[in-house]
Amino acid sequence: MRAGHSRVGAMENPLIPAEYDIAWTIFLVAFAVLVIAALISIGRVAGRLGPGITVVWVLMVLALPLVGPIAWFVAGRRSAKRVAPPA
């Protein structure tokens, strides 16, 4: 090891500050939680929605990464509440 160099900061990327790594990690974890929560919510009301609409919502959540889960929580859950449960 050369004089004046420390191994403590050896893993740091000089081009990307640590704050960006932390921010992206928080964003990705929050995004993953949002997608998983949307899929669980869709699964809970799948019986009221019917198989076709359930598949459409699941595909929408998976295909449209940020818009899909938000659309489900804004519009999808409301429409699922309006549909009468099967008798």
C-alpha atoms as a PDB file:
ATOM      1  CA  MET A   1       0.000   0.000   0.000  1.00  0.00           C
ATOM      2  CA  ARG A   2       1.376   3.402  -0.896  1.00  0.00           C
ATOM      3  CA  ALA A   3       1.913   6.024   1.724  1.00  0.00           C
ATOM      4  CA  GLY A   4      -0.962   8.433   2.182  1.00  0.00           C
ATOM      5  CA  HIS A   5      -3.672   6.062   0.898  1.00  0.00           C
ATOM      6  CA  SER A   6      -6.251   4.560   3.185  1.00  0.00           C
ATOM      7  CA  ARG A   7      -8.149   1.309   2.634  1.00  0.00           C
ATOM      8  CA  VAL A   8     -11.196   2.717   4.430  1.00  0.00           C
ATOM      9  CA  GLY A   9     -12.394   4.619   1.358  1.00  0.00           C
ATOM     10  CA  ALA A  10     -11.164   2.018  -1.138  1.00  0.00           C
ATOM     11  CA  MET A  11     -14.692   0.937  -2.127  1.00  0.00           C
ATOM     12  CA  GLU A  12     -16.059   4.433  -2.733  1.00  0.00           C
ATOM     13  CA  ASN A  13     -16.842   5.422  -6.292  1.00  0.00           C
ATOM     14  CA  PRO A  14     -15.269   8.826  -6.907  1.00  0.00           C
ATOM     15  CA  LEU A  15     -17.796   9.653  -9.626  1.00  0.00           C
ATOM     16  CA  ILE A  16     -20.973   8.953  -7.640  1.00  0.00           C
ATOM     17  CA  PRO A  17     -21.298  10.383  -4.122  1.00  0.00           C
ATOM     18  CA  ALA A  18     -22.554   8.067  -1.384  1.00  0.00           C
ATOM     19  CA  GLU A  19     -25.698  10.203  -0.974  1.00  0.00           C
ATOM     20  CA  TYR A  20     -26.853   9.197  -4.463  1.00  0.00           C
ATOM     21  CA  ASP A  21     -26.347   5.535  -3.641  1.00  0.00           C
ATOM     22  CA  ILE A  22     -28.416   5.934  -0.492  1.00  0.00           C
ATOM     23  CA  ALA A  23     -31.156   7.888  -2.298  1.00  0.00           C
ATOM     24  CA  TRP A  24     -31.405   5.323  -5.106  1.00  0.00           C
ATOM     25  CA  THR A  25     -31.505   2.466  -2.618  1.00  0.00           C
ATOM     26  CA  ILE A  26     -34.353   4.113  -0.700  1.00  0.00           C
ATOM     27  CA  PHE A  27     -36.214   4.797  -3.969  1.00  0.00           C
ATOM     28  CA  LEU A  28     -35.817   1.205  -5.203  1.00  0.00           C
ATOM     29  CA  VAL A  29     -36.925  -0.294  -1.887  1.00  0.00           C
ATOM     30  CA  ALA A  30     -39.972   2.000  -1.786  1.00  0.00           C
ATOM     31  CA  PHE A  31     -40.765   1.095  -5.395  1.00  0.00           C
ATOM     32  CA  ALA A  32     -40.504  -2.639  -4.658  1.00  0.00           C
ATOM     33  CA  VAL A  33     -42.783  -2.243  -1.634  1.00  0.00           C
ATOM     34  CA  LEU A  34     -45.314  -0.327  -3.767  1.00  0.00           C
ATOM     35  CA  VAL A  35     -45.380  -3.040  -6.460  1.00  0.00           C
ATOM     36  CA  ILE A  36     -45.655  -5.870  -3.928  1.00  0.00           C
ATOM     37  CA  ALA A  37     -48.404  -4.049  -2.007  1.00  0.00           C
ATOM     38  CA  ALA A  38     -50.344  -3.490  -5.244  1.00  0.00           C
ATOM     39  CA  LEU A  39     -50.065  -7.165  -6.224  1.00  0.00           C
ATOM     40  CA  ILE A  40     -51.198  -8.291  -2.762  1.00  0.00           C
ATOM     41  CA  SER A  41     -54.106  -5.842  -2.881  1.00  0.00           C
ATOM     42  CA  ILE A  42     -55.132  -7.112  -6.324  1.00  0.00           C
ATOM     43  CA  GLY A  43     -54.946 -10.682  -5.030  1.00  0.00           C
ATOM     44  CA  ARG A  44     -57.243  -9.860  -2.120  1.00  0.00           C
ATOM     45  CA  VAL A  45     -60.017  -8.497  -4.347  1.00  0.00           C
ATOM     46  CA  ALA A  46     -59.476 -10.870  -7.281  1.00  0.00           C
ATOM     47  CA  GLY A  47     -62.692 -12.746  -6.512  1.00  0.00           C
ATOM     48  CA  ARG A  48     -64.746  -9.573  -6.890  1.00  0.00           C
ATOM     49  CA  LEU A  49     -63.009  -8.421 -10.066  1.00  0.00           C
ATOM     50  CA  GLY A  50     -63.157 -11.583 -12.112  1.00  0.00           C
ATOM     51  CA  PRO A  51     -60.243 -13.402 -13.738  1.00  0.00           C
ATOM     52  CA  GLY A  52     -59.963 -11.233 -16.871  1.00  0.00           C
ATOM     53  CA  ILE A  53     -59.808  -7.901 -15.099  1.00  0.00           C
ATOM     54  CA  THR A  54     -57.486  -9.325 -12.445  1.00  0.00           C
ATOM     55  CA  VAL A  55     -55.006 -10.433 -15.115  1.00  0.00           C
ATOM     56  CA  VAL A  56     -55.200  -7.010 -16.777  1.00  0.00           C
ATOM     57  CA  TRP A  57     -54.428  -5.246 -13.497  1.00  0.00           C
ATOM     58  CA  VAL A  58     -51.542  -7.584 -12.670  1.00  0.00           C
ATOM     59  CA  LEU A  59     -50.044  -7.082 -16.129  1.00  0.00           C
ATOM     60  CA  MET A  60     -50.517  -3.343 -15.815  1.00  0.00           C
ATOM     61  CA  VAL A  61     -48.727  -3.242 -12.461  1.00  0.00           C
ATOM     62  CA  LEU A  62     -45.840  -5.313 -13.823  1.00  0.00           C
ATOM     63  CA  ALA A  63     -45.584  -3.682 -17.274  1.00  0.00           C
ATOM     64  CA  LEU A  64     -45.937  -0.055 -16.162  1.00  0.00           C
ATOM     65  CA  PRO A  65     -43.545   0.029 -13.230  1.00  0.00           C
ATOM     66  CA  LEU A  66     -44.490   3.266 -11.483  1.00  0.00           C
ATOM     67  CA  VAL A  67     -47.781   4.156 -13.134  1.00  0.00           C
ATOM     68  CA  GLY A  68     -49.391   0.709 -12.731  1.00  0.00           C
ATOM     69  CA  PRO A  69     -49.316   0.431  -8.933  1.00  0.00           C
ATOM     70  CA  ILE A  70     -50.353   4.064  -8.486  1.00  0.00           C
ATOM     71  CA  ALA A  71     -53.233   3.582 -10.951  1.00  0.00           C
ATOM     72  CA  TRP A  72     -54.364   0.508  -8.999  1.00  0.00           C
ATOM     73  CA  PHE A  73     -54.426   2.346  -5.675  1.00  0.00           C
ATOM     74  CA  VAL A  74     -56.139   5.405  -7.169  1.00  0.00           C
ATOM     75  CA  ALA A  75     -58.701   3.802  -9.499  1.00  0.00           C
ATOM     76  CA  GLY A  76     -58.593   0.011  -9.271  1.00  0.00           C
ATOM     77  CA  ARG A  77     -59.437  -0.417  -5.627  1.00  0.00           C
ATOM     78  CA  ARG A  78     -62.389   1.955  -5.955  1.00  0.00           C
ATOM     79  CA  SER A  79     -63.822  -0.016  -8.872  1.00  0.00           C
ATOM     80  CA  ALA A  80     -63.299  -3.279  -6.955  1.00  0.00           C
ATOM     81  CA  LYS A  81     -65.299  -1.891  -4.010  1.00  0.00           C
ATOM     82  CA  ARG A  82     -68.199  -0.951  -6.276  1.00  0.00           C
ATOM     83  CA  VAL A  83     -68.484  -4.475  -7.690  1.00  0.00           C
ATOM     84  CA  ALA A  84     -70.763  -6.613  -5.568  1.00  0.00           C
ATOM     85  CA  PRO A  85     -69.163  -9.713  -4.053  1.00  0.00           C
ATOM     86  CA  PRO A  86     -70.195 -12.972  -5.721  1.00  0.00           C
ATOM     87  CA  ALA A  87     -73.186 -14.686  -4.170  1.00  0.00           C
END
